């Protein structure tokens, strides 16, 4: 910033000059980088949400499979108890 004798400051050297091709290229590259990074961030957010939903679905499926298997084992154990009780009655008779 340049100070003049009247106390004004000249900031024209610091302002963006749209007619300077190097500065315009730098600004366009920065804009492209920001857009690319925002796109990647949104994509990652969508991916996390999708895989979160997939994880919840797989957890639900695993829980249902566990309940089905444990229910099947309970039925088999109950059936074995009934068969053992019948065999015990026929052996005693």
C-alpha atoms as a PDB file:
ATOM      1  CA  UNK A   1       0.000   0.000   0.000  1.00  0.00           C
ATOM      2  CA  UNK A   2       1.379   3.381  -0.968  1.00  0.00           C
ATOM      3  CA  UNK A   3       0.732   6.406   1.266  1.00  0.00           C
ATOM      4  CA  UNK A   4       0.393   9.766  -0.412  1.00  0.00           C
ATOM      5  CA  UNK A   5       1.222  13.023   1.309  1.00  0.00           C
ATOM      6  CA  UNK A   6      -2.481  13.803   1.911  1.00  0.00           C
ATOM      7  CA  UNK A   7      -3.022  10.622   3.902  1.00  0.00           C
ATOM      8  CA  UNK A   8      -4.759   8.715   1.127  1.00  0.00           C
ATOM      9  CA  UNK A   9      -3.603   5.245   0.407  1.00  0.00           C
ATOM     10  CA  UNK A  10      -3.308   3.794  -3.067  1.00  0.00           C
ATOM     11  CA  UNK A  11      -4.566   0.212  -3.179  1.00  0.00           C
ATOM     12  CA  UNK A  12      -4.743  -0.118  -6.941  1.00  0.00           C
ATOM     13  CA  UNK A  13      -1.709  -2.408  -6.871  1.00  0.00           C
ATOM     14  CA  UNK A  14      -3.548  -4.794  -4.568  1.00  0.00           C
ATOM     15  CA  UNK A  15      -6.839  -4.980  -6.442  1.00  0.00           C
ATOM     16  CA  UNK A  16      -7.626  -7.699  -8.935  1.00  0.00           C
ATOM     17  CA  UNK A  17      -6.955  -6.661 -12.505  1.00  0.00           C
ATOM     18  CA  UNK A  18      -9.288  -8.662 -14.787  1.00  0.00           C
ATOM     19  CA  UNK A  19      -7.194  -7.848 -17.837  1.00  0.00           C
ATOM     20  CA  UNK A  20      -4.087  -9.560 -16.532  1.00  0.00           C
ATOM     21  CA  UNK A  21      -4.126 -13.070 -18.076  1.00  0.00           C
ATOM     22  CA  UNK A  22      -1.810 -14.608 -15.458  1.00  0.00           C
ATOM     23  CA  UNK A  23      -3.959 -13.405 -12.573  1.00  0.00           C
ATOM     24  CA  UNK A  24      -7.129 -14.474 -14.383  1.00  0.00           C
ATOM     25  CA  UNK A  25      -5.627 -17.922 -14.954  1.00  0.00           C
ATOM     26  CA  UNK A  26      -4.708 -18.175 -11.274  1.00  0.00           C
ATOM     27  CA  UNK A  27      -8.226 -17.212 -10.226  1.00  0.00           C
ATOM     28  CA  UNK A  28      -9.797 -19.675 -12.663  1.00  0.00           C
ATOM     29  CA  UNK A  29      -7.478 -22.445 -11.452  1.00  0.00           C
ATOM     30  CA  UNK A  30      -8.399 -21.650  -7.862  1.00  0.00           C
ATOM     31  CA  UNK A  31     -12.108 -21.714  -8.704  1.00  0.00           C
ATOM     32  CA  UNK A  32     -11.700 -25.043 -10.503  1.00  0.00           C
ATOM     33  CA  UNK A  33      -9.819 -26.468  -7.525  1.00  0.00           C
ATOM     34  CA  UNK A  34     -12.503 -25.311  -5.098  1.00  0.00           C
ATOM     35  CA  UNK A  35     -15.267 -26.797  -7.274  1.00  0.00           C
ATOM     36  CA  UNK A  36     -13.346 -30.075  -7.565  1.00  0.00           C
ATOM     37  CA  UNK A  37     -12.806 -30.270  -3.806  1.00  0.00           C
ATOM     38  CA  UNK A  38     -16.453 -29.448  -3.075  1.00  0.00           C
ATOM     39  CA  UNK A  39     -17.560 -32.132  -5.536  1.00  0.00           C
ATOM     40  CA  UNK A  40     -15.281 -34.684  -3.884  1.00  0.00           C
ATOM     41  CA  UNK A  41     -16.576 -33.683  -0.445  1.00  0.00           C
ATOM     42  CA  UNK A  42     -20.206 -34.086  -1.527  1.00  0.00           C
ATOM     43  CA  UNK A  43     -19.373 -37.430  -3.144  1.00  0.00           C
ATOM     44  CA  UNK A  44     -17.708 -38.625   0.066  1.00  0.00           C
ATOM     45  CA  UNK A  45     -20.702 -37.489   2.114  1.00  0.00           C
ATOM     46  CA  UNK A  46     -23.081 -39.413  -0.170  1.00  0.00           C
ATOM     47  CA  UNK A  47     -20.817 -42.468  -0.015  1.00  0.00           C
ATOM     48  CA  UNK A  48     -20.665 -42.378   3.798  1.00  0.00           C
ATOM     49  CA  UNK A  49     -24.445 -42.074   3.983  1.00  0.00           C
ATOM     50  CA  UNK A  50     -24.966 -44.908   1.501  1.00  0.00           C
ATOM     51  CA  UNK A  51     -22.523 -47.230   3.231  1.00  0.00           C
ATOM     52  CA  UNK A  52     -24.020 -46.280   6.579  1.00  0.00           C
ATOM     53  CA  UNK A  53     -27.415 -47.397   5.300  1.00  0.00           C
ATOM     54  CA  UNK A  54     -25.826 -50.559   3.911  1.00  0.00           C
ATOM     55  CA  UNK A  55     -24.153 -51.177   7.280  1.00  0.00           C
ATOM     56  CA  UNK A  56     -27.471 -50.795   9.107  1.00  0.00           C
ATOM     57  CA  UNK A  57     -29.119 -53.195   6.644  1.00  0.00           C
ATOM     58  CA  UNK A  58     -26.359 -55.783   7.090  1.00  0.00           C
ATOM     59  CA  UNK A  59     -26.553 -55.436  10.873  1.00  0.00           C
ATOM     60  CA  UNK A  60     -30.318 -56.002  10.722  1.00  0.00           C
ATOM     61  CA  UNK A  61     -29.807 -59.018   8.447  1.00  0.00           C
ATOM     62  CA  UNK A  62     -27.172 -60.441  10.795  1.00  0.00           C
ATOM     63  CA  UNK A  63     -29.441 -59.957  13.807  1.00  0.00           C
ATOM     64  CA  UNK A  64     -32.358 -61.661  12.042  1.00  0.00           C
ATOM     65  CA  UNK A  65     -30.115 -64.558  11.001  1.00  0.00           C
ATOM     66  CA  UNK A  66     -28.893 -64.935  14.590  1.00  0.00           C
ATOM     67  CA  UNK A  67     -32.453 -64.936  15.900  1.00  0.00           C
ATOM     68  CA  UNK A  68     -33.518 -67.492  13.285  1.00  0.00           C
ATOM     69  CA  UNK A  69     -30.605 -69.805  14.084  1.00  0.00           C
ATOM     70  CA  UNK A  70     -31.107 -69.513  17.838  1.00  0.00           C
ATOM     71  CA  UNK A  71     -34.842 -70.133  17.370  1.00  0.00           C
ATOM     72  CA  UNK A  72     -34.053 -73.211  15.279  1.00  0.00           C
ATOM     73  CA  UNK A  73     -31.685 -74.479  17.948  1.00  0.00           C
ATOM     74  CA  UNK A  74     -34.368 -73.962  20.604  1.00  0.00           C
ATOM     75  CA  UNK A  75     -36.852 -75.991  18.492  1.00  0.00           C
ATOM     76  CA  UNK A  76     -34.282 -78.791  18.031  1.00  0.00           C
ATOM     77  CA  UNK A  77     -33.513 -78.825  21.761  1.00  0.00           C
ATOM     78  CA  UNK A  78     -37.230 -78.934  22.613  1.00  0.00           C
ATOM     79  CA  UNK A  79     -37.738 -81.773  20.113  1.00  0.00           C
ATOM     80  CA  UNK A  80     -34.820 -83.707  21.601  1.00  0.00           C
ATOM     81  CA  UNK A  81     -36.315 -83.259  25.078  1.00  0.00           C
ATOM     82  CA  UNK A  82     -39.690 -84.575  23.878  1.00  0.00           C
ATOM     83  CA  UNK A  83     -38.063 -87.594  22.193  1.00  0.00           C
ATOM     84  CA  UNK A  84     -35.999 -88.325  25.312  1.00  0.00           C
ATOM     85  CA  UNK A  85     -39.105 -88.084  27.498  1.00  0.00           C
ATOM     86  CA  UNK A  86     -41.019 -90.487  25.220  1.00  0.00           C
ATOM     87  CA  UNK A  87     -38.166 -92.951  25.168  1.00  0.00           C
ATOM     88  CA  UNK A  88     -37.953 -92.766  28.946  1.00  0.00           C
ATOM     89  CA  UNK A  89     -41.699 -93.530  29.243  1.00  0.00           C
ATOM     90  CA  UNK A  90     -41.526 -96.516  26.844  1.00  0.00           C
ATOM     91  CA  UNK A  91     -38.459 -97.891  28.620  1.00  0.00           C
ATOM     92  CA  UNK A  92     -40.201 -97.601  32.007  1.00  0.00           C
ATOM     93  CA  UNK A  93     -43.381 -99.283  30.721  1.00  0.00           C
END
